[in-house]
Amino acid sequence: MTTLTRDRSTAHLRATAPAPDLLDALESEAVHIIREVVAELERPVLLFSGGKDSVVMLHLAAKALWPARVKFPVLHVDTGHNFPEVLAFRDATVERLGVELVVASVQDYLEDGRLRERADGTRNPLQTLPLLDAIEAHRFDGVFGGGRRDEDKARAKERVISLRDAFGQWDPKNQRPELWRLYNTRHRPGEQVRVFPLSNWTELDVWRYVAREGIELPDLYYAHQREVFERDGMLLTPGPWTAPRSGETVTTRTVRYRTVGDMSCTGAVLSDAADVSAVIAEVAATTVTERGATRADDRLSEAAMEDRKKEGYF
């Protein structure tokens, strides 16, 4: 075969070969990142709340390490205001997979005086200190998180592997280049890296992947009837941390949750999307990110997320 004929044959194969599926490409990238970090670091941990992104992360970790099981632990910073359904799902998932669960409790810090309740009652901003203390106590040198670039402006500034200094702080102006999928995990003693394998995923990608892989999620992500009241444009669940104020009426609505943070700051959305396919159609049509639409803690200021990340939050 002449060189010209061989080149034409190769070009024909390239032209007729099916284009790689986007989900396959995203999964391959995430699996590659997880394997690289596990191979290079000594004590990685995965942040796991039972929310959709962390569930997908754990699913990807199980795929990346198969046929071995996930041997590194998962860490949850429990504010004490979490949805009971999500905590039950968290516990059932780690038991099913045989994964070690480490819990850092914000309530413990409030009881011994290391933290104080905020005036607005929201505990999500109080997670930073328990998180950093847990990382130090267990000597975790790499922390996997499910942050995606489409969630928030500050998320979009992150690298896939993001260095944190000895105080757990992030400097958005001092980040390493990541060219040709080369990831730098080097760090000095006391430092750690945060790792974001879902960096190039969107909310829609996550849901399409959940559908393709048949991944189970907490029921809160699907439409159900729930008692809610409206505050600042959000539908909150009444409870011990979110009592309705004067003029706020509790009604039963058909809602679902796009994100499942603190009950005190996470709002539901009106929705009839009761299964995965309906959620995918709904997410594909939305123009507002899930955090922007339903998380009060991200509305505290224009740079609320970035300020928290600089302090050590995810």
Protein backbone atom coordinates (compact mmCIF):
# COMPACT_ATOMS: atom_id res chain seq x y z
CA MET A 1 0.00 0.00 0.00
CA THR A 2 1.43 3.39 -0.99
CA THR A 3 1.72 6.21 1.54
CA LEU A 4 -1.05 8.13 -0.25
CA THR A 5 -3.39 5.14 -0.19
CA ARG A 6 -2.61 4.47 3.47
CA ASP A 7 -3.30 8.14 4.37
CA ARG A 8 -6.61 8.04 2.49
CA SER A 9 -7.59 4.82 4.27
CA THR A 10 -6.78 6.35 7.67
CA ALA A 11 -8.73 9.47 6.81
CA HIS A 12 -11.71 7.33 5.77
CA LEU A 13 -11.62 5.49 9.10
CA ARG A 14 -11.53 8.79 10.97
CA ALA A 15 -14.44 10.13 8.95
CA THR A 16 -16.62 7.06 9.42
CA ALA A 17 -15.79 6.31 13.06
CA PRO A 18 -18.58 7.32 15.45
CA ALA A 19 -17.92 10.48 17.43
CA PRO A 20 -17.16 9.80 21.08
CA ASP A 21 -20.18 10.25 23.33
CA LEU A 22 -19.93 13.30 25.60
CA LEU A 23 -20.76 11.29 28.71
CA ASP A 24 -18.12 8.71 27.80
CA ALA A 25 -15.56 11.50 27.46
CA LEU A 26 -16.54 13.11 30.77
CA GLU A 27 -16.51 9.77 32.55
CA SER A 28 -13.10 8.88 31.08
CA GLU A 29 -11.64 12.21 32.20
CA ALA A 30 -13.04 11.86 35.73
CA VAL A 31 -11.82 8.26 36.06
CA HIS A 32 -8.36 9.33 34.85
CA ILE A 33 -8.21 12.13 37.45
CA ILE A 34 -9.31 9.82 40.28
CA ARG A 35 -6.74 7.17 39.35
CA GLU A 36 -3.96 9.76 39.08
CA VAL A 37 -4.73 11.20 42.52
CA VAL A 38 -5.08 7.81 44.21
CA ALA A 39 -1.76 6.73 42.70
CA GLU A 40 0.13 9.86 43.74
CA LEU A 41 -1.29 10.81 47.13
CA GLU A 42 -1.12 8.91 50.41
CA ARG A 43 -4.40 9.73 52.16
CA PRO A 44 -7.16 10.94 49.81
CA VAL A 45 -10.75 11.41 50.97
CA LEU A 46 -13.99 12.10 49.11
CA LEU A 47 -16.52 14.65 50.35
CA PHE A 48 -19.85 12.84 50.49
CA SER A 49 -23.11 14.41 51.62
CA GLY A 50 -25.58 12.16 49.82
CA GLY A 51 -26.27 14.91 47.28
CA LYS A 52 -26.35 14.14 43.56
CA ASP A 53 -22.84 15.37 42.69
CA SER A 54 -21.18 13.49 45.55
CA VAL A 55 -23.18 10.36 44.68
CA VAL A 56 -21.94 10.56 41.08
CA MET A 57 -18.41 11.14 42.40
CA LEU A 58 -18.55 8.00 44.53
CA HIS A 59 -19.96 6.04 41.58
CA LEU A 60 -17.05 7.22 39.42
CA ALA A 61 -14.55 6.31 42.15
CA ALA A 62 -16.00 2.80 42.33
CA LYS A 63 -15.62 2.50 38.54
CA ALA A 64 -12.08 3.91 38.58
CA LEU A 65 -10.87 1.40 41.18
CA TRP A 66 -12.83 -1.67 40.04
CA PRO A 67 -12.39 -4.59 40.72
CA ALA A 68 -10.97 -3.33 44.03
CA ARG A 69 -13.37 -1.49 46.30
CA VAL A 70 -13.06 2.17 47.25
CA LYS A 71 -10.51 1.95 50.06
CA PHE A 72 -10.23 5.62 50.92
CA PRO A 73 -12.87 7.11 53.27
CA VAL A 74 -15.64 9.58 52.56
CA LEU A 75 -16.11 12.70 54.66
CA HIS A 76 -19.32 14.55 55.48
CA VAL A 77 -19.38 17.89 57.29
CA ASP A 78 -22.75 17.56 59.01
CA THR A 79 -24.30 20.90 59.89
CA GLY A 80 -27.08 19.36 61.98
CA HIS A 81 -29.61 20.98 59.63
CA ASN A 82 -29.44 18.38 56.88
CA PHE A 83 -32.51 16.77 55.35
CA PRO A 84 -33.19 13.51 57.25
CA GLU A 85 -33.91 11.73 53.97
CA VAL A 86 -30.47 12.64 52.65
CA LEU A 87 -28.69 11.47 55.81
CA ALA A 88 -30.51 8.14 55.62
CA PHE A 89 -29.50 7.79 51.97
CA ARG A 90 -25.88 8.67 52.87
CA ASP A 91 -25.71 5.97 55.53
CA ALA A 92 -27.34 3.33 53.34
CA THR A 93 -24.96 4.09 50.46
CA VAL A 94 -21.72 3.81 52.43
CA GLU A 95 -22.95 0.62 54.09
CA ARG A 96 -23.82 -0.91 50.71
CA LEU A 97 -20.41 -0.06 49.27
CA GLY A 98 -18.46 -0.90 52.43
CA VAL A 99 -16.87 2.55 52.53
CA GLU A 100 -15.61 4.18 55.73
CA LEU A 101 -17.60 7.30 56.68
CA VAL A 102 -15.98 10.15 58.62
CA VAL A 103 -18.38 12.76 60.00
CA ALA A 104 -17.32 16.24 61.13
CA SER A 105 -20.14 17.76 63.18
CA VAL A 106 -20.86 21.49 63.23
CA GLN A 107 -23.13 20.85 66.23
CA ASP A 108 -20.12 19.66 68.26
CA TYR A 109 -18.33 22.94 67.56
CA LEU A 110 -21.35 24.96 68.62
CA GLU A 111 -21.75 23.01 71.86
CA ASP A 112 -18.14 23.49 72.98
CA GLY A 113 -17.92 27.12 71.89
CA ARG A 114 -15.55 26.81 68.95
CA LEU A 115 -18.31 28.20 66.73
CA ARG A 116 -21.35 30.40 67.30
CA GLU A 117 -24.73 30.31 65.64
CA ARG A 118 -25.21 32.92 62.92
CA ALA A 119 -27.93 35.54 63.29
CA ASP A 120 -29.63 34.27 60.13
CA GLY A 121 -29.68 30.67 61.45
CA THR A 122 -27.79 29.33 58.42
CA ARG A 123 -25.07 26.83 59.24
CA ASN A 124 -23.57 26.18 55.80
CA PRO A 125 -20.97 28.98 56.25
CA LEU A 126 -19.92 27.31 59.52
CA GLN A 127 -18.64 24.19 57.77
CA THR A 128 -15.15 25.52 57.04
CA LEU A 129 -13.54 25.04 60.47
CA PRO A 130 -14.83 21.47 61.02
CA LEU A 131 -13.73 20.60 57.48
CA LEU A 132 -10.19 21.93 57.95
CA ASP A 133 -9.88 20.31 61.38
CA ALA A 134 -11.00 16.93 59.98
CA ILE A 135 -8.47 17.19 57.16
CA GLU A 136 -5.69 17.94 59.64
CA ALA A 137 -6.75 15.31 62.20
CA HIS A 138 -6.87 12.52 59.60
CA ARG A 139 -3.88 13.86 57.63
CA PHE A 140 -5.82 13.89 54.37
CA ASP A 141 -3.57 15.21 51.61
CA GLY A 142 -6.12 15.18 48.78
CA VAL A 143 -9.84 15.93 49.04
CA PHE A 144 -12.18 14.99 46.20
CA GLY A 145 -15.15 17.31 45.72
CA GLY A 146 -18.05 17.43 43.29
CA GLY A 147 -17.70 21.12 42.39
CA ARG A 148 -18.68 21.98 38.82
CA ARG A 149 -17.76 25.09 36.85
CA ASP A 150 -21.39 25.95 36.03
CA GLU A 151 -22.46 26.20 39.68
CA ASP A 152 -20.93 29.57 40.56
CA LYS A 153 -18.45 32.14 39.26
CA ALA A 154 -15.93 31.16 41.94
CA ARG A 155 -16.18 27.47 41.00
CA ALA A 156 -15.27 28.38 37.42
CA LYS A 157 -11.95 29.88 38.59
CA GLU A 158 -10.72 26.60 40.06
CA ARG A 159 -8.29 24.20 38.47
CA VAL A 160 -9.06 20.48 38.44
CA ILE A 161 -6.40 20.07 41.14
CA SER A 162 -6.32 23.13 43.37
CA LEU A 163 -3.61 23.72 45.97
CA ARG A 164 -4.53 24.78 49.51
CA ASP A 165 -1.89 26.27 51.78
CA ALA A 166 -1.03 25.19 55.33
CA PHE A 167 -4.08 27.14 56.56
CA GLY A 168 -6.39 25.43 54.08
CA GLN A 169 -6.81 28.66 52.12
CA TRP A 170 -7.17 29.13 48.37
CA ASP A 171 -5.52 31.89 46.34
CA PRO A 172 -7.41 32.30 43.04
CA LYS A 173 -4.57 34.45 41.62
CA ASN A 174 -1.90 31.82 42.24
CA GLN A 175 -2.89 28.63 40.46
CA ARG A 176 -0.98 26.08 38.46
CA PRO A 177 -1.44 25.66 34.71
CA GLU A 178 -3.06 22.40 33.58
CA LEU A 179 -2.03 21.69 30.01
CA TRP A 180 -2.67 18.48 28.06
CA ARG A 181 -4.41 16.87 31.05
CA LEU A 182 -1.27 17.06 33.15
CA TYR A 183 -2.26 17.45 36.80
CA ASN A 184 0.17 18.57 39.50
CA THR A 185 -0.51 17.09 42.94
CA ARG A 186 2.76 18.22 44.53
CA HIS A 187 2.44 19.93 47.89
CA ARG A 188 4.57 20.69 50.93
CA PRO A 189 3.92 19.18 54.38
CA GLY A 190 0.78 20.75 55.86
CA GLU A 191 -0.63 21.66 52.47
CA GLN A 192 -3.30 19.69 50.62
CA VAL A 193 -4.97 19.64 47.25
CA ARG A 194 -8.65 19.79 46.45
CA VAL A 195 -9.60 17.69 43.44
CA PHE A 196 -12.59 18.35 41.17
CA PRO A 197 -13.11 15.52 38.64
CA LEU A 198 -16.53 16.98 37.67
CA SER A 199 -15.05 20.35 36.69
CA ASN A 200 -16.15 20.05 33.06
CA TRP A 201 -19.59 18.62 33.83
CA THR A 202 -22.83 20.59 33.93
CA GLU A 203 -25.98 19.93 35.93
CA LEU A 204 -27.52 18.47 32.77
CA ASP A 205 -24.51 16.18 32.25
CA VAL A 206 -24.88 14.90 35.81
CA TRP A 207 -28.54 14.07 35.29
CA ARG A 208 -27.93 12.42 31.91
CA TYR A 209 -25.21 10.32 33.54
CA VAL A 210 -27.53 9.40 36.42
CA ALA A 211 -30.05 8.20 33.82
CA ARG A 212 -27.49 6.25 31.79
CA GLU A 213 -25.89 4.55 34.79
CA GLY A 214 -29.13 3.95 36.71
CA ILE A 215 -27.74 5.75 39.77
CA GLU A 216 -30.07 5.97 42.75
CA LEU A 217 -30.57 9.40 44.37
CA PRO A 218 -32.52 10.67 47.39
CA ASP A 219 -36.23 11.06 46.66
CA LEU A 220 -36.05 14.81 47.34
CA TYR A 221 -34.60 15.31 43.85
CA TYR A 222 -37.92 14.20 42.32
CA ALA A 223 -41.33 15.86 42.46
CA HIS A 224 -43.31 15.15 45.63
CA GLN A 225 -45.90 16.91 47.75
CA ARG A 226 -44.42 18.91 50.60
CA GLU A 227 -45.38 21.61 53.06
CA VAL A 228 -43.50 24.79 52.13
CA PHE A 229 -43.65 28.54 52.62
CA GLU A 230 -42.15 31.32 50.51
CA ARG A 231 -39.31 33.55 51.70
CA ASP A 232 -37.10 35.75 49.52
CA GLY A 233 -38.31 33.98 46.40
CA MET A 234 -37.54 30.49 47.75
CA LEU A 235 -39.80 27.70 48.93
CA LEU A 236 -38.54 26.53 52.35
CA THR A 237 -39.65 23.56 54.44
CA PRO A 238 -41.05 24.55 57.86
CA GLY A 239 -39.19 23.00 60.75
CA PRO A 240 -37.25 23.75 63.92
CA TRP A 241 -34.70 25.85 61.97
CA THR A 242 -37.02 27.47 59.45
CA ALA A 243 -40.17 28.53 61.27
CA PRO A 244 -42.48 30.71 59.14
CA ARG A 245 -42.52 34.37 60.06
CA SER A 246 -45.55 36.61 60.31
CA GLY A 247 -47.27 36.72 56.93
CA GLU A 248 -45.57 33.57 55.61
CA THR A 249 -48.23 30.97 54.90
CA VAL A 250 -47.52 27.24 54.85
CA THR A 251 -49.10 25.42 51.90
CA THR A 252 -48.75 21.98 50.37
CA ARG A 253 -47.13 22.16 46.92
CA THR A 254 -45.66 19.73 44.41
CA VAL A 255 -41.94 20.47 44.50
CA ARG A 256 -38.50 18.97 44.10
CA TYR A 257 -34.98 20.00 45.13
CA ARG A 258 -32.22 20.77 42.64
CA THR A 259 -29.62 20.80 45.43
CA VAL A 260 -29.81 19.48 49.00
CA GLY A 261 -27.80 21.62 51.42
CA ASP A 262 -29.01 22.88 54.77
CA MET A 263 -32.78 22.82 55.29
CA SER A 264 -32.42 26.36 56.66
CA CYS A 265 -31.06 27.80 53.41
CA THR A 266 -32.03 25.42 50.59
CA GLY A 267 -35.22 26.07 48.67
CA ALA A 268 -37.40 23.76 46.63
CA VAL A 269 -38.70 24.51 43.14
CA LEU A 270 -42.21 23.95 41.83
CA SER A 271 -42.00 20.90 39.61
CA ASP A 272 -43.91 17.94 38.24
CA ALA A 273 -40.68 16.12 37.27
CA ALA A 274 -41.19 12.83 39.09
CA ASP A 275 -38.60 10.73 37.23
CA VAL A 276 -35.17 11.09 35.68
CA SER A 277 -36.33 11.77 32.13
CA ALA A 278 -38.66 14.53 33.30
CA VAL A 279 -35.89 16.10 35.39
CA ILE A 280 -33.54 16.05 32.39
CA ALA A 281 -36.13 17.87 30.27
CA GLU A 282 -36.67 20.42 33.05
CA VAL A 283 -32.95 21.05 33.61
CA ALA A 284 -32.33 21.37 29.86
CA ALA A 285 -34.85 24.22 29.71
CA THR A 286 -33.69 26.18 32.77
CA THR A 287 -31.53 29.31 32.55
CA VAL A 288 -30.64 29.60 36.27
CA THR A 289 -28.09 27.45 38.09
CA GLU A 290 -29.33 25.32 40.96
CA ARG A 291 -27.30 27.20 43.57
CA GLY A 292 -28.30 30.59 42.21
CA ALA A 293 -31.96 29.67 42.33
CA THR A 294 -32.23 27.79 45.61
CA ARG A 295 -29.34 28.48 47.99
CA ALA A 296 -29.69 31.44 50.37
CA ASP A 297 -26.11 31.08 51.63
CA ASP A 298 -24.83 31.98 48.14
CA ARG A 299 -26.90 35.18 48.17
CA LEU A 300 -25.17 36.68 51.21
CA SER A 301 -22.97 38.76 48.90
CA GLU A 302 -21.91 38.92 45.25
CA ALA A 303 -18.72 37.03 46.14
CA ALA A 304 -20.12 34.80 48.92
CA MET A 305 -18.81 31.53 47.46
CA GLU A 306 -15.38 32.92 46.59
CA ASP A 307 -14.94 34.40 50.08
CA ARG A 308 -15.77 31.04 51.66
CA LYS A 309 -13.42 29.18 49.31
CA LYS A 310 -10.56 31.51 50.20
CA GLU A 311 -11.12 30.63 53.86
CA GLY A 312 -10.94 26.91 53.14
CA TYR A 313 -14.47 25.89 52.18
CA PHE A 314 -15.07 23.86 49.04
